C-alpha atoms as a PDB file:
ATOM      1  CA  MET A   1       1.534   5.113  21.135  1.00  0.00           C
ATOM      2  CA  THR A   2      -0.307   2.066  22.193  1.00  0.00           C
ATOM      3  CA  GLY A   3      -2.431   2.340  18.998  1.00  0.00           C
ATOM      4  CA  VAL A   4       0.536   1.763  16.690  1.00  0.00           C
ATOM      5  CA  LEU A   5       1.551  -0.985  19.036  1.00  0.00           C
ATOM      6  CA  THR A   6      -1.684  -2.555  18.602  1.00  0.00           C
ATOM      7  CA  GLY A   7      -2.001  -2.369  15.202  1.00  0.00           C
ATOM      8  CA  PHE A   8       1.558  -3.958  14.396  1.00  0.00           C
ATOM      9  CA  THR A   9       0.794  -6.717  16.970  1.00  0.00           C
ATOM     10  CA  ILE A  10      -2.340  -7.680  14.921  1.00  0.00           C
ATOM     11  CA  ILE A  11      -0.518  -7.474  11.760  1.00  0.00           C
ATOM     12  CA  GLY A  12       2.184  -9.549  13.191  1.00  0.00           C
ATOM     13  CA  VAL A  13       0.032 -12.103  14.499  1.00  0.00           C
ATOM     14  CA  VAL A  14      -1.637 -12.896  11.073  1.00  0.00           C
ATOM     15  CA  ILE A  15       1.678 -12.970   9.321  1.00  0.00           C
ATOM     16  CA  ALA A  16       2.787 -15.567  11.839  1.00  0.00           C
ATOM     17  CA  VAL A  17      -0.158 -17.751  11.318  1.00  0.00           C
ATOM     18  CA  GLY A  18       0.217 -17.563   7.317  1.00  0.00           C
ATOM     19  CA  PHE A  19       4.009 -18.366   8.179  1.00  0.00           C
ATOM     20  CA  VAL A  20       3.087 -21.556  10.026  1.00  0.00           C
ATOM     21  CA  ALA A  21       0.431 -22.316   7.374  1.00  0.00           C
ATOM     22  CA  GLY A  22       3.083 -22.513   4.648  1.00  0.00           C
ATOM     23  CA  ARG A  23       5.370 -24.475   6.772  1.00  0.00           C
ATOM     24  CA  LEU A  24       2.650 -27.142   7.439  1.00  0.00           C
ATOM     25  CA  GLN A  25       1.760 -26.965   3.755  1.00  0.00           C
ATOM     26  CA  ILE A  26      -1.746 -26.237   4.317  1.00  0.00           C
ATOM     27  CA  GLY A  27      -3.645 -25.928   1.174  1.00  0.00           C
ATOM     28  CA  GLY A  28      -0.755 -27.393  -0.599  1.00  0.00           C
ATOM     29  CA  ALA A  29       2.584 -25.628  -2.143  1.00  0.00           C
ATOM     30  CA  THR A  30       0.896 -23.127  -4.237  1.00  0.00           C
ATOM     31  CA  ALA A  31      -1.695 -22.178  -1.299  1.00  0.00           C
ATOM     32  CA  GLY A  32      -0.204 -18.811  -1.065  1.00  0.00           C
ATOM     33  CA  ARG A  33      -0.210 -17.857  -4.550  1.00  0.00           C
ATOM     34  CA  SER A  34      -3.889 -18.990  -4.813  1.00  0.00           C
ATOM     35  CA  ILE A  35      -4.983 -16.649  -1.970  1.00  0.00           C
ATOM     36  CA  GLN A  36      -3.154 -13.775  -3.449  1.00  0.00           C
ATOM     37  CA  HIS A  37      -5.153 -13.928  -6.602  1.00  0.00           C
ATOM     38  CA  LEU A  38      -8.125 -14.349  -4.848  1.00  0.00           C
ATOM     39  CA  SER A  39      -7.537 -11.165  -2.930  1.00  0.00           C
ATOM     40  CA  PHE A  40      -6.464  -9.299  -6.068  1.00  0.00           C
ATOM     41  CA  PHE A  41      -9.806 -10.275  -8.056  1.00  0.00           C
ATOM     42  CA  ILE A  42     -12.354 -10.692  -5.582  1.00  0.00           C
ATOM     43  CA  ALA A  43     -11.748  -9.728  -1.587  1.00  0.00           C
ATOM     44  CA  SER A  44      -9.911  -6.609  -2.195  1.00  0.00           C
ATOM     45  CA  PRO A  45     -12.112  -4.851  -4.973  1.00  0.00           C
ATOM     46  CA  ALA A  46     -14.949  -6.052  -2.539  1.00  0.00           C
ATOM     47  CA  LEU A  47     -13.026  -4.126   0.440  1.00  0.00           C
ATOM     48  CA  LEU A  48     -12.310  -0.975  -1.465  1.00  0.00           C
ATOM     49  CA  PHE A  49     -15.681  -0.594  -2.932  1.00  0.00           C
ATOM     50  CA  HIS A  50     -17.362  -0.607   0.523  1.00  0.00           C
ATOM     51  CA  VAL A  51     -14.491   1.767   2.048  1.00  0.00           C
ATOM     52  CA  LEU A  52     -14.844   4.466  -0.741  1.00  0.00           C
ATOM     53  CA  ALA A  53     -18.488   4.439  -0.786  1.00  0.00           C
ATOM     54  CA  HIS A  54     -18.855   5.618   2.493  1.00  0.00           C
ATOM     55  CA  ALA A  55     -15.823   8.025   2.272  1.00  0.00           C
ATOM     56  CA  ASP A  56     -16.326  11.854   2.360  1.00  0.00           C
ATOM     57  CA  VAL A  57     -14.917  13.019  -1.133  1.00  0.00           C
ATOM     58  CA  GLY A  58     -14.429  16.523   0.534  1.00  0.00           C
ATOM     59  CA  VAL A  59     -10.996  15.496   2.057  1.00  0.00           C
ATOM     60  CA  VAL A  60      -9.553  14.746  -1.423  1.00  0.00           C
ATOM     61  CA  PHE A  61      -9.284  18.866  -1.649  1.00  0.00           C
ATOM     62  CA  SER A  62      -7.619  19.071   1.461  1.00  0.00           C
ATOM     63  CA  ALA A  63      -3.766  19.513   1.964  1.00  0.00           C
ATOM     64  CA  PHE A  64      -3.550  15.834   3.085  1.00  0.00           C
ATOM     65  CA  ILE A  65      -3.533  14.626  -0.371  1.00  0.00           C
ATOM     66  CA  TRP A  66      -0.979  17.235  -1.749  1.00  0.00           C
ATOM     67  CA  VAL A  67       1.478  16.341   0.856  1.00  0.00           C
ATOM     68  CA  ALA A  68       1.148  12.545   0.169  1.00  0.00           C
ATOM     69  CA  LEU A  69       1.190  13.000  -3.803  1.00  0.00           C
ATOM     70  CA  ILE A  70       4.676  15.053  -3.458  1.00  0.00           C
ATOM     71  CA  SER A  71       6.206  13.007  -0.729  1.00  0.00           C
ATOM     72  CA  ALA A  72       5.363   9.659  -2.788  1.00  0.00           C
ATOM     73  CA  VAL A  73       6.347  10.878  -6.191  1.00  0.00           C
ATOM     74  CA  ALA A  74       9.562  12.261  -4.823  1.00  0.00           C
ATOM     75  CA  MET A  75      10.557   8.909  -3.301  1.00  0.00           C
ATOM     76  CA  ALA A  76       9.419   6.746  -6.285  1.00  0.00           C
ATOM     77  CA  GLY A  77      11.070   9.188  -8.559  1.00  0.00           C
ATOM     78  CA  LEU A  78      14.504   9.127  -6.277  1.00  0.00           C
ATOM     79  CA  PHE A  79      14.372   5.263  -6.751  1.00  0.00           C
ATOM     80  CA  VAL A  80      14.400   5.234 -10.387  1.00  0.00           C
ATOM     81  CA  VAL A  81      17.071   7.475 -10.771  1.00  0.00           C
ATOM     82  CA  ILE A  82      19.343   5.542  -8.515  1.00  0.00           C
ATOM     83  CA  ASN A  83      18.224   2.551 -10.260  1.00  0.00           C
ATOM     84  CA  LEU A  84      19.163   4.317 -13.650  1.00  0.00           C
ATOM     85  CA  PHE A  85      22.837   4.827 -12.189  1.00  0.00           C
ATOM     86  CA  THR A  86      23.224   1.539 -10.356  1.00  0.00           C
ATOM     87  CA  TRP A  87      21.303  -1.719 -11.109  1.00  0.00           C
ATOM     88  CA  ARG A  88      19.588  -0.799 -14.299  1.00  0.00           C
ATOM     89  CA  MET A  89      16.474  -3.130 -13.552  1.00  0.00           C
ATOM     90  CA  ARG A  90      14.088  -3.865 -16.124  1.00  0.00           C
ATOM     91  CA  VAL A  91      10.727  -1.864 -16.185  1.00  0.00           C
ATOM     92  CA  GLY A  92       8.664  -3.991 -14.126  1.00  0.00           C
ATOM     93  CA  GLU A  93      11.080  -4.554 -11.626  1.00  0.00           C
ATOM     94  CA  THR A  94      11.805  -0.807 -11.416  1.00  0.00           C
ATOM     95  CA  THR A  95       8.258  -0.478 -10.989  1.00  0.00           C
ATOM     96  CA  ILE A  96       7.654  -2.522  -8.043  1.00  0.00           C
ATOM     97  CA  GLY A  97      10.706  -1.160  -6.561  1.00  0.00           C
ATOM     98  CA  ALA A  98       9.096   2.364  -6.947  1.00  0.00           C
ATOM     99  CA  LEU A  99       6.035   1.507  -5.326  1.00  0.00           C
ATOM    100  CA  ALA A 100       7.851  -0.157  -2.567  1.00  0.00           C
ATOM    101  CA  SER A 101       9.544   3.388  -2.115  1.00  0.00           C
ATOM    102  CA  GLY A 102       6.677   5.429  -2.070  1.00  0.00           C
ATOM    103  CA  TYR A 103       3.103   3.370  -1.893  1.00  0.00           C
ATOM    104  CA  VAL A 104       2.189   3.365   1.847  1.00  0.00           C
ATOM    105  CA  ASN A 105       0.308   0.521   3.836  1.00  0.00           C
ATOM    106  CA  ALA A 106      -3.074   2.955   4.281  1.00  0.00           C
ATOM    107  CA  ASN A 107      -5.587  -0.025   4.692  1.00  0.00           C
ATOM    108  CA  ASN A 108      -4.860  -2.864   7.269  1.00  0.00           C
ATOM    109  CA  ILE A 109      -1.985  -0.352   9.022  1.00  0.00           C
ATOM    110  CA  GLY A 110      -2.965   3.015   8.020  1.00  0.00           C
ATOM    111  CA  LEU A 111      -6.611   2.382   9.307  1.00  0.00           C
ATOM    112  CA  PRO A 112      -5.537   1.140  12.778  1.00  0.00           C
ATOM    113  CA  VAL A 113      -3.039   4.197  13.192  1.00  0.00           C
ATOM    114  CA  ALA A 114      -5.535   6.560  11.896  1.00  0.00           C
ATOM    115  CA  VAL A 115      -8.028   5.518  14.519  1.00  0.00           C
ATOM    116  CA  TYR A 116      -6.058   4.832  17.350  1.00  0.00           C
ATOM    117  CA  VAL A 117      -3.269   7.638  17.155  1.00  0.00           C
ATOM    118  CA  LEU A 118      -4.836  10.209  15.101  1.00  0.00           C
ATOM    119  CA  GLY A 119      -8.185   9.888  16.600  1.00  0.00           C
ATOM    120  CA  ASP A 120      -9.866   9.902  13.353  1.00  0.00           C
ATOM    121  CA  ALA A 121     -10.066   7.212  10.402  1.00  0.00           C
ATOM    122  CA  GLN A 122     -10.777  10.218   7.780  1.00  0.00           C
ATOM    123  CA  TYR A 123      -7.185  11.241   7.867  1.00  0.00           C
ATOM    124  CA  VAL A 124      -6.595   8.167   5.827  1.00  0.00           C
ATOM    125  CA  ALA A 125      -9.242   8.731   3.073  1.00  0.00           C
ATOM    126  CA  PRO A 126      -7.305  11.232   0.966  1.00  0.00           C
ATOM    127  CA  LEU A 127      -4.266   8.488   0.891  1.00  0.00           C
ATOM    128  CA  LEU A 128      -6.635   5.952  -0.168  1.00  0.00           C
ATOM    129  CA  LEU A 129      -8.224   7.539  -2.951  1.00  0.00           C
ATOM    130  CA  LEU A 130      -4.772   9.000  -4.234  1.00  0.00           C
ATOM    131  CA  GLN A 131      -3.196   5.649  -4.379  1.00  0.00           C
ATOM    132  CA  LEU A 132      -6.237   3.802  -5.759  1.00  0.00           C
ATOM    133  CA  ILE A 133      -7.383   6.300  -8.391  1.00  0.00           C
ATOM    134  CA  VAL A 134      -3.910   7.708  -9.247  1.00  0.00           C
ATOM    135  CA  PHE A 135      -0.805   5.634  -8.332  1.00  0.00           C
ATOM    136  CA  ALA A 136      -2.731   2.047  -8.771  1.00  0.00           C
ATOM    137  CA  PRO A 137      -3.993   2.742 -12.361  1.00  0.00           C
ATOM    138  CA  LEU A 138      -0.374   4.219 -13.314  1.00  0.00           C
ATOM    139  CA  SER A 139       1.195   1.475 -11.951  1.00  0.00           C
ATOM    140  CA  LEU A 140      -0.657  -1.361 -13.191  1.00  0.00           C
ATOM    141  CA  ALA A 141      -0.767   0.021 -16.464  1.00  0.00           C
ATOM    142  CA  ILE A 142       3.007  -0.183 -16.771  1.00  0.00           C
ATOM    143  CA  LEU A 143       3.095  -3.611 -15.354  1.00  0.00           C
ATOM    144  CA  ASP A 144       0.422  -4.708 -17.762  1.00  0.00           C
ATOM    145  CA  LEU A 145       2.152  -2.936 -20.365  1.00  0.00           C
ATOM    146  CA  THR A 146       5.817  -4.434 -19.739  1.00  0.00           C
ATOM    147  CA  ARG A 147       4.146  -8.100 -19.538  1.00  0.00           C
ATOM    148  CA  THR A 148       2.387  -8.144 -22.793  1.00  0.00           C
ATOM    149  CA  GLY A 149       5.192  -6.248 -24.379  1.00  0.00           C
ATOM    150  CA  LYS A 150       3.039  -3.775 -26.089  1.00  0.00           C
ATOM    151  CA  VAL A 151       2.767   0.112 -25.718  1.00  0.00           C
ATOM    152  CA  SER A 152      -0.523   1.499 -26.753  1.00  0.00           C
ATOM    153  CA  VAL A 153      -2.308   4.380 -25.817  1.00  0.00           C
ATOM    154  CA  LYS A 154      -5.616   2.615 -26.026  1.00  0.00           C
ATOM    155  CA  ALA A 155      -4.075   0.129 -23.438  1.00  0.00           C
ATOM    156  CA  ILE A 156      -3.430   2.982 -20.944  1.00  0.00           C
ATOM    157  CA  VAL A 157      -6.574   4.482 -21.332  1.00  0.00           C
ATOM    158  CA  THR A 158      -8.818   1.510 -20.965  1.00  0.00           C
ATOM    159  CA  GLN A 159      -6.144  -0.311 -18.473  1.00  0.00           C
ATOM    160  CA  PRO A 160      -8.451   1.219 -15.498  1.00  0.00           C
ATOM    161  CA  PHE A 161     -11.664  -0.469 -16.644  1.00  0.00           C
ATOM    162  CA  ARG A 162      -9.839  -3.693 -17.088  1.00  0.00           C
ATOM    163  CA  ASN A 163      -8.660  -4.083 -13.428  1.00  0.00           C
ATOM    164  CA  PRO A 164     -11.094  -5.298 -10.801  1.00  0.00           C
ATOM    165  CA  MET A 165      -9.714  -3.215  -7.785  1.00  0.00           C
ATOM    166  CA  ILE A 166      -9.744   0.213 -10.008  1.00  0.00           C
ATOM    167  CA  ILE A 167     -13.156  -0.416 -11.340  1.00  0.00           C
ATOM    168  CA  ALA A 168     -14.311  -1.203  -7.660  1.00  0.00           C
ATOM    169  CA  SER A 169     -12.671   1.870  -6.198  1.00  0.00           C
ATOM    170  CA  LEU A 170     -13.879   4.193  -9.129  1.00  0.00           C
ATOM    171  CA  ALA A 171     -17.931   2.766  -8.301  1.00  0.00           C
ATOM    172  CA  GLY A 172     -17.167   3.593  -4.551  1.00  0.00           C
ATOM    173  CA  VAL A 173     -15.940   7.115  -5.202  1.00  0.00           C
ATOM    174  CA  VAL A 174     -18.941   8.026  -7.603  1.00  0.00           C
ATOM    175  CA  ILE A 175     -21.339   6.841  -5.052  1.00  0.00           C
ATOM    176  CA  ALA A 176     -19.709   8.787  -2.431  1.00  0.00           C
ATOM    177  CA  ALA A 177     -19.470  11.728  -4.519  1.00  0.00           C
ATOM    178  CA  THR A 178     -23.097  11.831  -5.699  1.00  0.00           C
ATOM    179  CA  GLY A 179     -24.449  11.002  -2.392  1.00  0.00           C
ATOM    180  CA  ILE A 180     -26.373   7.942  -3.705  1.00  0.00           C
ATOM    181  CA  GLN A 181     -28.175   6.069  -1.154  1.00  0.00           C
ATOM    182  CA  LEU A 182     -28.050   2.551  -1.367  1.00  0.00           C
ATOM    183  CA  PRO A 183     -29.821  -0.197   1.073  1.00  0.00           C
ATOM    184  CA  ASP A 184     -27.852  -1.821   3.645  1.00  0.00           C
ATOM    185  CA  ALA A 185     -28.483  -5.128   1.978  1.00  0.00           C
ATOM    186  CA  VAL A 186     -26.505  -3.923  -1.220  1.00  0.00           C
ATOM    187  CA  TYR A 187     -23.336  -3.429   1.020  1.00  0.00           C
ATOM    188  CA  ALA A 188     -23.337  -6.239   2.994  1.00  0.00           C
ATOM    189  CA  PRO A 189     -22.116  -8.787   0.838  1.00  0.00           C
ATOM    190  CA  PHE A 190     -19.262  -6.327  -0.277  1.00  0.00           C
ATOM    191  CA  GLU A 191     -18.560  -5.491   3.382  1.00  0.00           C
ATOM    192  CA  LEU A 192     -18.484  -9.396   4.182  1.00  0.00           C
ATOM    193  CA  ILE A 193     -16.212 -10.487   1.323  1.00  0.00           C
ATOM    194  CA  GLY A 194     -13.846  -7.480   1.785  1.00  0.00           C
ATOM    195  CA  GLY A 195     -13.307  -8.404   5.136  1.00  0.00           C
ATOM    196  CA  ALA A 196     -11.331 -11.354   3.797  1.00  0.00           C
ATOM    197  CA  ALA A 197      -9.175  -9.208   2.026  1.00  0.00           C
ATOM    198  CA  VAL A 198      -6.508  -7.916   4.621  1.00  0.00           C
ATOM    199  CA  PRO A 199      -6.372 -11.206   6.417  1.00  0.00           C
ATOM    200  CA  MET A 200      -5.888 -13.127   2.896  1.00  0.00           C
ATOM    201  CA  MET A 201      -3.031 -10.566   2.098  1.00  0.00           C
ATOM    202  CA  LEU A 202      -1.229 -10.963   5.230  1.00  0.00           C
ATOM    203  CA  LEU A 203      -1.699 -14.912   5.429  1.00  0.00           C
ATOM    204  CA  ALA A 204      -0.370 -15.247   1.734  1.00  0.00           C
ATOM    205  CA  PHE A 205       2.642 -12.695   2.641  1.00  0.00           C
ATOM    206  CA  GLY A 206       3.554 -14.910   5.822  1.00  0.00           C
ATOM    207  CA  MET A 207       3.120 -17.957   3.536  1.00  0.00           C
ATOM    208  CA  SER A 208       5.701 -16.370   1.223  1.00  0.00           C
ATOM    209  CA  LEU A 209       8.223 -16.214   3.847  1.00  0.00           C
ATOM    210  CA  SER A 210       8.004 -19.863   4.580  1.00  0.00           C
ATOM    211  CA  GLY A 211      11.283 -21.536   3.281  1.00  0.00           C
ATOM    212  CA  GLN A 212      12.454 -18.025   2.544  1.00  0.00           C
ATOM    213  CA  ARG A 213      15.403 -16.401   4.073  1.00  0.00           C
ATOM    214  CA  PRO A 214      14.631 -12.714   3.624  1.00  0.00           C
ATOM    215  CA  LEU A 215      17.392 -10.478   2.785  1.00  0.00           C
ATOM    216  CA  ARG A 216      19.496 -13.394   1.657  1.00  0.00           C
ATOM    217  CA  ALA A 217      22.834 -12.539  -0.129  1.00  0.00           C
ATOM    218  CA  GLY A 218      22.393 -12.813  -4.027  1.00  0.00           C
ATOM    219  CA  THR A 219      18.727 -11.408  -3.886  1.00  0.00           C
ATOM    220  CA  GLY A 220      19.157  -7.708  -4.310  1.00  0.00           C
ATOM    221  CA  ARG A 221      19.716  -6.470  -0.689  1.00  0.00           C
ATOM    222  CA  ALA A 222      20.980  -2.924  -1.626  1.00  0.00           C
ATOM    223  CA  ARG A 223      18.043  -2.535  -3.515  1.00  0.00           C
ATOM    224  CA  VAL A 224      15.507  -3.560  -0.589  1.00  0.00           C
ATOM    225  CA  PHE A 225      17.528  -1.413   1.817  1.00  0.00           C
ATOM    226  CA  VAL A 226      17.571   1.717  -0.672  1.00  0.00           C
ATOM    227  CA  ALA A 227      13.800   1.238  -1.103  1.00  0.00           C
ATOM    228  CA  SER A 228      12.844   0.730   2.546  1.00  0.00           C
ATOM    229  CA  SER A 229      15.258   3.909   3.350  1.00  0.00           C
ATOM    230  CA  LEU A 230      13.308   5.862   1.133  1.00  0.00           C
ATOM    231  CA  LYS A 231       9.704   4.791   2.397  1.00  0.00           C
ATOM    232  CA  SER A 232      10.484   4.826   6.165  1.00  0.00           C
ATOM    233  CA  VAL A 233      12.799   7.659   6.571  1.00  0.00           C
ATOM    234  CA  GLY A 234      12.747   9.728   3.238  1.00  0.00           C
ATOM    235  CA  MET A 235       8.924  10.092   2.713  1.00  0.00           C
ATOM    236  CA  PRO A 236       8.246  11.128   6.422  1.00  0.00           C
ATOM    237  CA  LEU A 237      10.817  13.849   6.354  1.00  0.00           C
ATOM    238  CA  VAL A 238       9.868  15.074   2.813  1.00  0.00           C
ATOM    239  CA  ALA A 239       6.290  15.064   4.000  1.00  0.00           C
ATOM    240  CA  PHE A 240       7.169  17.036   7.188  1.00  0.00           C
ATOM    241  CA  VAL A 241       9.081  19.742   5.317  1.00  0.00           C
ATOM    242  CA  VAL A 242       6.014  20.154   2.764  1.00  0.00           C
ATOM    243  CA  ALA A 243       3.383  20.135   5.120  1.00  0.00           C
ATOM    244  CA  ARG A 244       5.110  22.598   7.406  1.00  0.00           C
ATOM    245  CA  VAL A 245       6.837  24.868   4.694  1.00  0.00           C
ATOM    246  CA  ILE A 246       4.668  24.851   1.789  1.00  0.00           C
ATOM    247  CA  PHE A 247       1.087  24.183   3.503  1.00  0.00           C
ATOM    248  CA  GLY A 248       1.551  25.644   6.313  1.00  0.00           C
ATOM    249  CA  LEU A 249       0.216  22.803   8.537  1.00  0.00           C
ATOM    250  CA  ASP A 250       1.026  22.852  12.614  1.00  0.00           C
ATOM    251  CA  GLY A 251       0.120  21.075  15.347  1.00  0.00           C
ATOM    252  CA  HIS A 252      -2.013  17.673  14.981  1.00  0.00           C
ATOM    253  CA  ALA A 253      -2.574  18.343  11.261  1.00  0.00           C
ATOM    254  CA  LEU A 254       1.478  18.506  10.663  1.00  0.00           C
ATOM    255  CA  PHE A 255       1.815  15.148  12.881  1.00  0.00           C
ATOM    256  CA  ALA A 256      -1.008  13.326  10.756  1.00  0.00           C
ATOM    257  CA  ALA A 257       0.448  14.115   7.612  1.00  0.00           C
ATOM    258  CA  THR A 258       3.964  13.177   8.806  1.00  0.00           C
ATOM    259  CA  ALA A 259       2.707   9.830  10.507  1.00  0.00           C
ATOM    260  CA  LEU A 260       0.831   8.908   7.469  1.00  0.00           C
ATOM    261  CA  ALA A 261       3.971   9.305   5.291  1.00  0.00           C
ATOM    262  CA  ALA A 262       5.920   6.983   7.615  1.00  0.00           C
ATOM    263  CA  LEU A 263       3.418   3.974   7.256  1.00  0.00           C
ATOM    264  CA  PRO A 264       5.296   1.135   5.854  1.00  0.00           C
ATOM    265  CA  THR A 265       5.026  -0.340   2.368  1.00  0.00           C
ATOM    266  CA  ALA A 266       1.834  -1.723   1.353  1.00  0.00           C
ATOM    267  CA  GLN A 267       1.274  -5.313   1.297  1.00  0.00           C
ATOM    268  CA  ASN A 268      -0.462  -4.653  -2.106  1.00  0.00           C
ATOM    269  CA  ILE A 269       2.883  -4.354  -3.947  1.00  0.00           C
ATOM    270  CA  PHE A 270       3.673  -8.193  -3.071  1.00  0.00           C
ATOM    271  CA  THR A 271       0.209  -8.765  -4.554  1.00  0.00           C
ATOM    272  CA  TYR A 272       1.137  -6.770  -7.663  1.00  0.00           C
ATOM    273  CA  ALA A 273       4.467  -8.309  -7.804  1.00  0.00           C
ATOM    274  CA  THR A 274       3.061 -11.731  -7.638  1.00  0.00           C
ATOM    275  CA  ARG A 275       0.287 -11.113 -10.128  1.00  0.00           C
ATOM    276  CA  TYR A 276       2.743  -9.768 -12.763  1.00  0.00           C
ATOM    277  CA  ASP A 277       5.716 -12.011 -11.736  1.00  0.00           C
ATOM    278  CA  THR A 278       7.944  -9.823 -11.307  1.00  0.00           C
ATOM    279  CA  GLY A 279      10.161  -8.475  -8.412  1.00  0.00           C
ATOM    280  CA  GLU A 280       8.502 -10.569  -5.879  1.00  0.00           C
ATOM    281  CA  VAL A 281      11.744 -10.928  -3.695  1.00  0.00           C
ATOM    282  CA  MET A 282      12.150  -7.352  -3.454  1.00  0.00           C
ATOM    283  CA  ALA A 283       8.559  -6.538  -2.845  1.00  0.00           C
ATOM    284  CA  ARG A 284       8.431  -9.026   0.107  1.00  0.00           C
ATOM    285  CA  ASP A 285      11.611  -8.146   1.602  1.00  0.00           C
ATOM    286  CA  ALA A 286      10.726  -4.267   1.377  1.00  0.00           C
ATOM    287  CA  ILE A 287       7.413  -4.693   3.196  1.00  0.00           C
ATOM    288  CA  LEU A 288       9.093  -6.953   5.890  1.00  0.00           C
ATOM    289  CA  VAL A 289      12.018  -4.362   6.317  1.00  0.00           C
ATOM    290  CA  SER A 290       9.723  -1.201   6.302  1.00  0.00           C
ATOM    291  CA  THR A 291       7.017  -2.611   8.307  1.00  0.00           C
ATOM    292  CA  VAL A 292       9.836  -3.403  11.045  1.00  0.00           C
ATOM    293  CA  ALA A 293      11.277   0.136  10.735  1.00  0.00           C
ATOM    294  CA  ALA A 294       7.966   1.784  11.005  1.00  0.00           C
ATOM    295  CA  ILE A 295       7.604   0.905  14.479  1.00  0.00           C
ATOM    296  CA  PRO A 296      10.553   2.848  16.037  1.00  0.00           C
ATOM    297  CA  VAL A 297       9.676   5.788  13.181  1.00  0.00           C
ATOM    298  CA  LEU A 298       6.348   6.276  14.065  1.00  0.00           C
ATOM    299  CA  ILE A 299       7.427   6.219  17.763  1.00  0.00           C
ATOM    300  CA  VAL A 300      10.071   8.830  17.325  1.00  0.00           C
ATOM    301  CA  ILE A 301       7.498  11.087  15.172  1.00  0.00           C
ATOM    302  CA  SER A 302       4.874  10.591  17.895  1.00  0.00           C
ATOM    303  CA  ALA A 303       7.131  11.841  20.699  1.00  0.00           C
ATOM    304  CA  LEU A 304       8.273  14.882  18.471  1.00  0.00           C
ATOM    305  CA  LEU A 305       5.077  15.998  17.320  1.00  0.00           C
ATOM    306  CA  ALA A 306       2.163  14.628  19.145  1.00  0.00           C
END
């Protein structure tokens, strides 16, 4: 329980610092967007390469990745269906909403929760790999295509090789899978630069809140609440049923699979929304709502299953 509160306290403080920086206009009016772009193109790829290069790829074949896959796809798909019958947003905005419903914060919240609550950072590895190698390429391919207005097989096939985060992730997985031993001096720059990724994302998120009123009337609050509810309540419920009924998990394994599904929407979604200039308000508000909601949800899950 303490680990959950500790992880959220750390994140909240950094976001608050970003908010104050935004209010004081430190770095200028566009500082937040510049930081987001630096994180997208430089810091995040370095972090992902370093983390995945040291991951145990054997966990990819565990039940955890299938539980995460089924629950995430179910929530993202449900958001798309709801959108078709209600708001009928454009493809780019719908993609952001679907991601907000099923793409979890596996890095800056997932890792602390895995370490302090689940007792092993390895639990979050399948989730990281799934999101970075499957969900991110597909989502970014859609966002790329909607931005250019062109649909081609070539664009979809080559998209992973044009995105810095995906290139870095694949390189890390290859190193981990092949067991290549690289000198510590090679990893050091990636570790140093990658260490800035999470603070940069959180600072930029805090800056984006400055001068804004989250959940303001006329900004699509219904969409935010639907996405946040699917993420915070629907996804852990589906994960629990899938883990228990289909894969027969129980005890600590069942608790871990359910708790990971209850993680809030990832800050990456706001980075994507900013990068592709679509659904930014929805992404920002969904992250905020799901992050606040994750605290009581994780406490309830801990009380019932831990």
